[in-house]
């Protein structure tokens, strides 16, 4: 919820859906895999996909694509969640048209239809393989404490996951939600920045050993 200090998350009820590995305020960084940044040879717009500008086929391609580099081994869910360099091996979709007020995690019903195309692409992936896992990553700007922003970012990811499930029928067991607080800004600033209050999406099945 919004507060006078900006990106500070007031206490609230936990979400009821059993999304895979969802946890408000979960610690990040306990299973980091040491990897160099990947060498990305595909066009930038295919590696980081702007949801609003992308076609339906672009969204499916981003979710369907293999890692941009060969992997040495498969990885656990915990390693994927905690390792930025590992997640960089995958294309991802930036939901920049899904907006959050400072300090808030709720999505207004007016924003629900914006997620329909993401739901269609996800369900298309699931028709091919029912064990696919899609990660929904929440982010904040730098206003507020690290602890509060970690919790807030997780709630933003969960809010998007709930709409995908409750409104568009994406099975919750195929969704991972994880908040990263202010660690990965799109715009490098300590000020309030709407573009840093965002959610990103990527399919993590190609990295994993558990699914």
C-alpha atoms as a PDB file:
ATOM      1  CA  UNK A   1       0.000   0.000   0.000  1.00  0.00           C
ATOM      2  CA  UNK A   2       1.136   3.560  -0.580  1.00  0.00           C
ATOM      3  CA  UNK A   3       2.791   5.554   2.146  1.00  0.00           C
ATOM      4  CA  UNK A   4       4.233   8.996   2.560  1.00  0.00           C
ATOM      5  CA  UNK A   5       7.797   7.691   2.368  1.00  0.00           C
ATOM      6  CA  UNK A   6       7.338   6.269  -1.163  1.00  0.00           C
ATOM      7  CA  UNK A   7       8.299   2.658  -1.921  1.00  0.00           C
ATOM      8  CA  UNK A   8       7.449   1.357   1.548  1.00  0.00           C
ATOM      9  CA  UNK A   9       5.173  -1.626   1.772  1.00  0.00           C
ATOM     10  CA  UNK A  10       2.708  -1.589   4.628  1.00  0.00           C
ATOM     11  CA  UNK A  11       1.806  -4.914   6.243  1.00  0.00           C
ATOM     12  CA  UNK A  12      -0.894  -6.798   4.389  1.00  0.00           C
ATOM     13  CA  UNK A  13      -2.516 -10.185   3.974  1.00  0.00           C
ATOM     14  CA  UNK A  14      -0.476 -12.889   2.237  1.00  0.00           C
ATOM     15  CA  UNK A  15      -1.743 -14.076  -1.109  1.00  0.00           C
ATOM     16  CA  UNK A  16      -3.758 -17.255  -1.046  1.00  0.00           C
ATOM     17  CA  UNK A  17      -2.580 -18.950  -4.247  1.00  0.00           C
ATOM     18  CA  UNK A  18       0.083 -21.646  -3.919  1.00  0.00           C
ATOM     19  CA  UNK A  19       2.462 -20.337  -6.554  1.00  0.00           C
ATOM     20  CA  UNK A  20       5.615 -22.395  -6.864  1.00  0.00           C
ATOM     21  CA  UNK A  21       8.377 -21.074  -4.576  1.00  0.00           C
ATOM     22  CA  UNK A  22       6.567 -17.851  -3.789  1.00  0.00           C
ATOM     23  CA  UNK A  23       7.598 -16.155  -0.578  1.00  0.00           C
ATOM     24  CA  UNK A  24       7.169 -12.545   0.484  1.00  0.00           C
ATOM     25  CA  UNK A  25      10.501 -11.214   1.685  1.00  0.00           C
ATOM     26  CA  UNK A  26      12.384 -14.415   0.857  1.00  0.00           C
ATOM     27  CA  UNK A  27      16.148 -14.153   1.137  1.00  0.00           C
ATOM     28  CA  UNK A  28      17.928 -13.931  -2.192  1.00  0.00           C
ATOM     29  CA  UNK A  29      21.564 -14.850  -2.748  1.00  0.00           C
ATOM     30  CA  UNK A  30      22.083 -18.079  -0.803  1.00  0.00           C
ATOM     31  CA  UNK A  31      22.547 -20.298  -3.886  1.00  0.00           C
ATOM     32  CA  UNK A  32      24.442 -18.007  -6.258  1.00  0.00           C
ATOM     33  CA  UNK A  33      26.130 -19.650  -9.244  1.00  0.00           C
ATOM     34  CA  UNK A  34      29.357 -17.903 -10.297  1.00  0.00           C
ATOM     35  CA  UNK A  35      29.101 -17.296 -14.028  1.00  0.00           C
ATOM     36  CA  UNK A  36      30.406 -14.664 -16.388  1.00  0.00           C
ATOM     37  CA  UNK A  37      27.801 -12.573 -18.221  1.00  0.00           C
ATOM     38  CA  UNK A  38      26.557 -14.356 -21.330  1.00  0.00           C
ATOM     39  CA  UNK A  39      27.642 -13.387 -24.829  1.00  0.00           C
ATOM     40  CA  UNK A  40      24.371 -12.311 -26.428  1.00  0.00           C
ATOM     41  CA  UNK A  41      24.434 -12.472 -30.225  1.00  0.00           C
ATOM     42  CA  UNK A  42      20.720 -12.041 -30.944  1.00  0.00           C
ATOM     43  CA  UNK A  43      19.213  -8.568 -31.459  1.00  0.00           C
ATOM     44  CA  UNK A  44      18.599  -6.648 -28.241  1.00  0.00           C
ATOM     45  CA  UNK A  45      14.857  -6.387 -28.914  1.00  0.00           C
ATOM     46  CA  UNK A  46      14.612 -10.180 -29.045  1.00  0.00           C
ATOM     47  CA  UNK A  47      16.691 -10.666 -25.893  1.00  0.00           C
ATOM     48  CA  UNK A  48      14.785  -8.085 -23.828  1.00  0.00           C
ATOM     49  CA  UNK A  49      11.254  -8.001 -25.226  1.00  0.00           C
ATOM     50  CA  UNK A  50       9.094  -4.908 -24.774  1.00  0.00           C
ATOM     51  CA  UNK A  51       5.692  -6.421 -23.996  1.00  0.00           C
ATOM     52  CA  UNK A  52       3.675  -3.490 -25.297  1.00  0.00           C
ATOM     53  CA  UNK A  53       5.472  -3.409 -28.649  1.00  0.00           C
ATOM     54  CA  UNK A  54       5.833  -7.158 -29.168  1.00  0.00           C
ATOM     55  CA  UNK A  55       3.508  -9.251 -31.308  1.00  0.00           C
ATOM     56  CA  UNK A  56       1.902 -12.415 -29.957  1.00  0.00           C
ATOM     57  CA  UNK A  57       4.472 -14.440 -31.889  1.00  0.00           C
ATOM     58  CA  UNK A  58       7.288 -12.343 -30.379  1.00  0.00           C
ATOM     59  CA  UNK A  59       6.040 -13.175 -26.887  1.00  0.00           C
ATOM     60  CA  UNK A  60       5.806 -16.881 -27.656  1.00  0.00           C
ATOM     61  CA  UNK A  61       9.281 -16.859 -29.213  1.00  0.00           C
ATOM     62  CA  UNK A  62      10.739 -15.175 -26.114  1.00  0.00           C
ATOM     63  CA  UNK A  63       9.210 -17.800 -23.829  1.00  0.00           C
ATOM     64  CA  UNK A  64       9.979 -20.712 -26.142  1.00  0.00           C
ATOM     65  CA  UNK A  65      13.608 -19.858 -26.885  1.00  0.00           C
ATOM     66  CA  UNK A  66      16.524 -21.907 -25.524  1.00  0.00           C
ATOM     67  CA  UNK A  67      19.294 -20.276 -23.467  1.00  0.00           C
ATOM     68  CA  UNK A  68      21.470 -17.849 -25.400  1.00  0.00           C
ATOM     69  CA  UNK A  69      24.530 -19.915 -24.411  1.00  0.00           C
ATOM     70  CA  UNK A  70      25.040 -23.616 -23.798  1.00  0.00           C
ATOM     71  CA  UNK A  71      24.833 -24.643 -20.137  1.00  0.00           C
ATOM     72  CA  UNK A  72      27.443 -26.648 -18.274  1.00  0.00           C
ATOM     73  CA  UNK A  73      24.770 -28.470 -16.281  1.00  0.00           C
ATOM     74  CA  UNK A  74      21.182 -28.163 -15.109  1.00  0.00           C
ATOM     75  CA  UNK A  75      20.366 -26.036 -12.066  1.00  0.00           C
ATOM     76  CA  UNK A  76      18.028 -26.112  -9.100  1.00  0.00           C
ATOM     77  CA  UNK A  77      15.174 -23.684  -8.701  1.00  0.00           C
ATOM     78  CA  UNK A  78      17.032 -22.035  -5.823  1.00  0.00           C
ATOM     79  CA  UNK A  79      20.086 -21.471  -8.021  1.00  0.00           C
ATOM     80  CA  UNK A  80      17.943 -19.952 -10.746  1.00  0.00           C
ATOM     81  CA  UNK A  81      16.178 -17.643  -8.305  1.00  0.00           C
ATOM     82  CA  UNK A  82      19.414 -16.472  -6.692  1.00  0.00           C
ATOM     83  CA  UNK A  83      21.752 -16.167  -9.700  1.00  0.00           C
ATOM     84  CA  UNK A  84      21.362 -13.125 -11.919  1.00  0.00           C
ATOM     85  CA  UNK A  85      24.066 -14.252 -14.352  1.00  0.00           C
ATOM     86  CA  UNK A  86      22.259 -17.571 -14.765  1.00  0.00           C
ATOM     87  CA  UNK A  87      18.918 -15.924 -15.469  1.00  0.00           C
ATOM     88  CA  UNK A  88      20.686 -13.724 -18.020  1.00  0.00           C
ATOM     89  CA  UNK A  89      21.073 -16.853 -20.151  1.00  0.00           C
ATOM     90  CA  UNK A  90      17.373 -16.550 -20.973  1.00  0.00           C
ATOM     91  CA  UNK A  91      15.375 -14.022 -22.919  1.00  0.00           C
ATOM     92  CA  UNK A  92      12.820 -12.118 -20.892  1.00  0.00           C
ATOM     93  CA  UNK A  93       9.733  -9.955 -21.330  1.00  0.00           C
ATOM     94  CA  UNK A  94       9.465  -6.541 -19.675  1.00  0.00           C
ATOM     95  CA  UNK A  95       5.891  -5.683 -18.697  1.00  0.00           C
ATOM     96  CA  UNK A  96       6.489  -1.941 -18.785  1.00  0.00           C
ATOM     97  CA  UNK A  97       2.820  -1.202 -19.504  1.00  0.00           C
ATOM     98  CA  UNK A  98       1.844  -2.803 -16.168  1.00  0.00           C
ATOM     99  CA  UNK A  99       2.292   0.082 -13.770  1.00  0.00           C
ATOM    100  CA  UNK A 100       2.467   0.367  -9.988  1.00  0.00           C
ATOM    101  CA  UNK A 101       2.033   3.389  -7.783  1.00  0.00           C
ATOM    102  CA  UNK A 102       4.908   4.104  -5.418  1.00  0.00           C
ATOM    103  CA  UNK A 103       4.659   1.801  -2.429  1.00  0.00           C
ATOM    104  CA  UNK A 104       1.795  -0.225  -3.936  1.00  0.00           C
ATOM    105  CA  UNK A 105       1.539  -3.721  -5.330  1.00  0.00           C
ATOM    106  CA  UNK A 106      -2.108  -3.958  -6.369  1.00  0.00           C
ATOM    107  CA  UNK A 107      -3.202  -4.059  -9.993  1.00  0.00           C
ATOM    108  CA  UNK A 108      -6.373  -2.157 -10.785  1.00  0.00           C
ATOM    109  CA  UNK A 109      -8.985  -4.165 -12.756  1.00  0.00           C
ATOM    110  CA  UNK A 110      -8.411  -1.780 -15.660  1.00  0.00           C
ATOM    111  CA  UNK A 111      -4.945  -3.319 -16.073  1.00  0.00           C
ATOM    112  CA  UNK A 112      -6.097  -6.944 -16.146  1.00  0.00           C
ATOM    113  CA  UNK A 113      -6.780  -7.034 -19.924  1.00  0.00           C
ATOM    114  CA  UNK A 114      -3.174  -5.999 -20.583  1.00  0.00           C
ATOM    115  CA  UNK A 115      -2.060  -9.420 -19.307  1.00  0.00           C
ATOM    116  CA  UNK A 116      -4.260 -11.436 -21.668  1.00  0.00           C
ATOM    117  CA  UNK A 117      -1.577 -11.737 -24.363  1.00  0.00           C
ATOM    118  CA  UNK A 118       0.994 -12.937 -21.830  1.00  0.00           C
ATOM    119  CA  UNK A 119      -1.503 -15.512 -20.601  1.00  0.00           C
ATOM    120  CA  UNK A 120      -2.121 -16.728 -24.157  1.00  0.00           C
ATOM    121  CA  UNK A 121       1.603 -17.125 -24.814  1.00  0.00           C
ATOM    122  CA  UNK A 122       2.071 -18.976 -21.514  1.00  0.00           C
ATOM    123  CA  UNK A 123      -0.852 -21.321 -22.174  1.00  0.00           C
ATOM    124  CA  UNK A 124       0.514 -21.981 -25.656  1.00  0.00           C
ATOM    125  CA  UNK A 125       3.811 -23.069 -24.064  1.00  0.00           C
ATOM    126  CA  UNK A 126       1.930 -25.293 -21.612  1.00  0.00           C
ATOM    127  CA  UNK A 127       0.010 -27.040 -24.378  1.00  0.00           C
ATOM    128  CA  UNK A 128       3.358 -28.383 -25.548  1.00  0.00           C
ATOM    129  CA  UNK A 129       4.721 -29.269 -22.097  1.00  0.00           C
ATOM    130  CA  UNK A 130       2.604 -29.263 -18.932  1.00  0.00           C
ATOM    131  CA  UNK A 131       5.748 -29.092 -16.758  1.00  0.00           C
ATOM    132  CA  UNK A 132       6.945 -25.699 -17.994  1.00  0.00           C
ATOM    133  CA  UNK A 133       7.880 -23.128 -15.327  1.00  0.00           C
ATOM    134  CA  UNK A 134       7.551 -19.395 -15.924  1.00  0.00           C
ATOM    135  CA  UNK A 135       9.186 -16.965 -13.496  1.00  0.00           C
ATOM    136  CA  UNK A 136       7.493 -13.662 -12.696  1.00  0.00           C
ATOM    137  CA  UNK A 137      10.022 -11.227 -11.231  1.00  0.00           C
ATOM    138  CA  UNK A 138       9.005  -8.151  -9.265  1.00  0.00           C
ATOM    139  CA  UNK A 139      11.098  -4.982  -8.939  1.00  0.00           C
ATOM    140  CA  UNK A 140      10.975  -1.632  -7.153  1.00  0.00           C
ATOM    141  CA  UNK A 141      12.680   1.708  -7.361  1.00  0.00           C
ATOM    142  CA  UNK A 142      15.232   2.757  -4.737  1.00  0.00           C
ATOM    143  CA  UNK A 143      12.865   4.717  -2.482  1.00  0.00           C
ATOM    144  CA  UNK A 144      12.420   2.947   0.861  1.00  0.00           C
ATOM    145  CA  UNK A 145      14.399   0.349   2.774  1.00  0.00           C
ATOM    146  CA  UNK A 146      15.947  -2.759   1.214  1.00  0.00           C
ATOM    147  CA  UNK A 147      13.802  -5.057   3.358  1.00  0.00           C
ATOM    148  CA  UNK A 148      10.539  -3.283   2.561  1.00  0.00           C
ATOM    149  CA  UNK A 149      11.335  -3.154  -1.147  1.00  0.00           C
ATOM    150  CA  UNK A 150      12.149  -6.864  -1.259  1.00  0.00           C
ATOM    151  CA  UNK A 151       8.737  -7.638   0.232  1.00  0.00           C
ATOM    152  CA  UNK A 152       6.993  -5.126  -2.003  1.00  0.00           C
ATOM    153  CA  UNK A 153       8.596  -6.509  -5.158  1.00  0.00           C
ATOM    154  CA  UNK A 154       7.508 -10.026  -4.269  1.00  0.00           C
ATOM    155  CA  UNK A 155       3.932  -8.837  -3.819  1.00  0.00           C
ATOM    156  CA  UNK A 156       4.024  -7.183  -7.239  1.00  0.00           C
ATOM    157  CA  UNK A 157       5.095 -10.440  -8.839  1.00  0.00           C
ATOM    158  CA  UNK A 158       2.379 -12.314  -6.962  1.00  0.00           C
ATOM    159  CA  UNK A 159      -0.260  -9.776  -8.005  1.00  0.00           C
ATOM    160  CA  UNK A 160       0.545 -10.386 -11.679  1.00  0.00           C
ATOM    161  CA  UNK A 161       0.560 -14.160 -11.142  1.00  0.00           C
ATOM    162  CA  UNK A 162      -2.853 -14.009  -9.464  1.00  0.00           C
ATOM    163  CA  UNK A 163      -4.368 -12.184 -12.433  1.00  0.00           C
ATOM    164  CA  UNK A 164      -2.853 -14.702 -14.859  1.00  0.00           C
ATOM    165  CA  UNK A 165      -4.388 -17.531 -12.847  1.00  0.00           C
ATOM    166  CA  UNK A 166      -7.706 -16.135 -11.645  1.00  0.00           C
ATOM    167  CA  UNK A 167      -8.636 -14.180 -14.776  1.00  0.00           C
ATOM    168  CA  UNK A 168      -6.966 -16.095 -17.597  1.00  0.00           C
ATOM    169  CA  UNK A 169      -6.590 -19.650 -16.293  1.00  0.00           C
ATOM    170  CA  UNK A 170      -2.806 -20.075 -16.158  1.00  0.00           C
ATOM    171  CA  UNK A 171      -2.169 -22.903 -13.650  1.00  0.00           C
ATOM    172  CA  UNK A 172      -0.477 -21.541 -10.505  1.00  0.00           C
ATOM    173  CA  UNK A 173       1.781 -24.594 -10.281  1.00  0.00           C
ATOM    174  CA  UNK A 174       3.509 -23.441 -13.473  1.00  0.00           C
ATOM    175  CA  UNK A 175       4.355 -20.001 -12.085  1.00  0.00           C
ATOM    176  CA  UNK A 176       7.272 -18.989  -9.882  1.00  0.00           C
ATOM    177  CA  UNK A 177       7.085 -15.568  -8.261  1.00  0.00           C
ATOM    178  CA  UNK A 178      10.158 -13.832  -6.897  1.00  0.00           C
ATOM    179  CA  UNK A 179      10.869 -10.283  -5.776  1.00  0.00           C
ATOM    180  CA  UNK A 180      14.281  -8.658  -6.202  1.00  0.00           C
ATOM    181  CA  UNK A 181      13.603  -5.310  -4.576  1.00  0.00           C
ATOM    182  CA  UNK A 182      15.719  -2.490  -5.971  1.00  0.00           C
ATOM    183  CA  UNK A 183      18.662  -4.688  -7.046  1.00  0.00           C
ATOM    184  CA  UNK A 184      18.089  -4.568 -10.824  1.00  0.00           C
ATOM    185  CA  UNK A 185      16.876  -1.119 -11.907  1.00  0.00           C
ATOM    186  CA  UNK A 186      16.054  -0.379 -15.509  1.00  0.00           C
ATOM    187  CA  UNK A 187      16.947   3.262 -14.919  1.00  0.00           C
ATOM    188  CA  UNK A 188      20.025   3.852 -12.770  1.00  0.00           C
ATOM    189  CA  UNK A 189      18.715   6.360 -10.237  1.00  0.00           C
ATOM    190  CA  UNK A 190      18.058   6.578  -6.499  1.00  0.00           C
ATOM    191  CA  UNK A 191      14.983   8.710  -7.141  1.00  0.00           C
ATOM    192  CA  UNK A 192      11.404   7.543  -7.521  1.00  0.00           C
ATOM    193  CA  UNK A 193      11.237   5.997 -11.004  1.00  0.00           C
ATOM    194  CA  UNK A 194       8.104   4.365 -12.480  1.00  0.00           C
ATOM    195  CA  UNK A 195      10.136   2.272 -14.959  1.00  0.00           C
ATOM    196  CA  UNK A 196      11.892   0.574 -12.039  1.00  0.00           C
ATOM    197  CA  UNK A 197       8.540  -0.358 -10.468  1.00  0.00           C
ATOM    198  CA  UNK A 198       7.985  -3.187 -12.897  1.00  0.00           C
ATOM    199  CA  UNK A 199       7.553  -6.927 -13.486  1.00  0.00           C
ATOM    200  CA  UNK A 200       9.621  -9.113 -15.843  1.00  0.00           C
ATOM    201  CA  UNK A 201       8.771 -12.602 -17.108  1.00  0.00           C
ATOM    202  CA  UNK A 202      10.913 -15.466 -18.363  1.00  0.00           C
ATOM    203  CA  UNK A 203      10.532 -19.210 -18.868  1.00  0.00           C
ATOM    204  CA  UNK A 204      13.114 -20.914 -16.662  1.00  0.00           C
ATOM    205  CA  UNK A 205      12.470 -24.584 -17.517  1.00  0.00           C
ATOM    206  CA  UNK A 206      15.576 -24.837 -19.771  1.00  0.00           C
ATOM    207  CA  UNK A 207      17.818 -24.050 -16.785  1.00  0.00           C
ATOM    208  CA  UNK A 208      16.296 -26.435 -14.287  1.00  0.00           C
ATOM    209  CA  UNK A 209      17.022 -29.926 -13.092  1.00  0.00           C
ATOM    210  CA  UNK A 210      13.897 -30.323 -10.938  1.00  0.00           C
ATOM    211  CA  UNK A 211      11.094 -30.030 -13.514  1.00  0.00           C
END
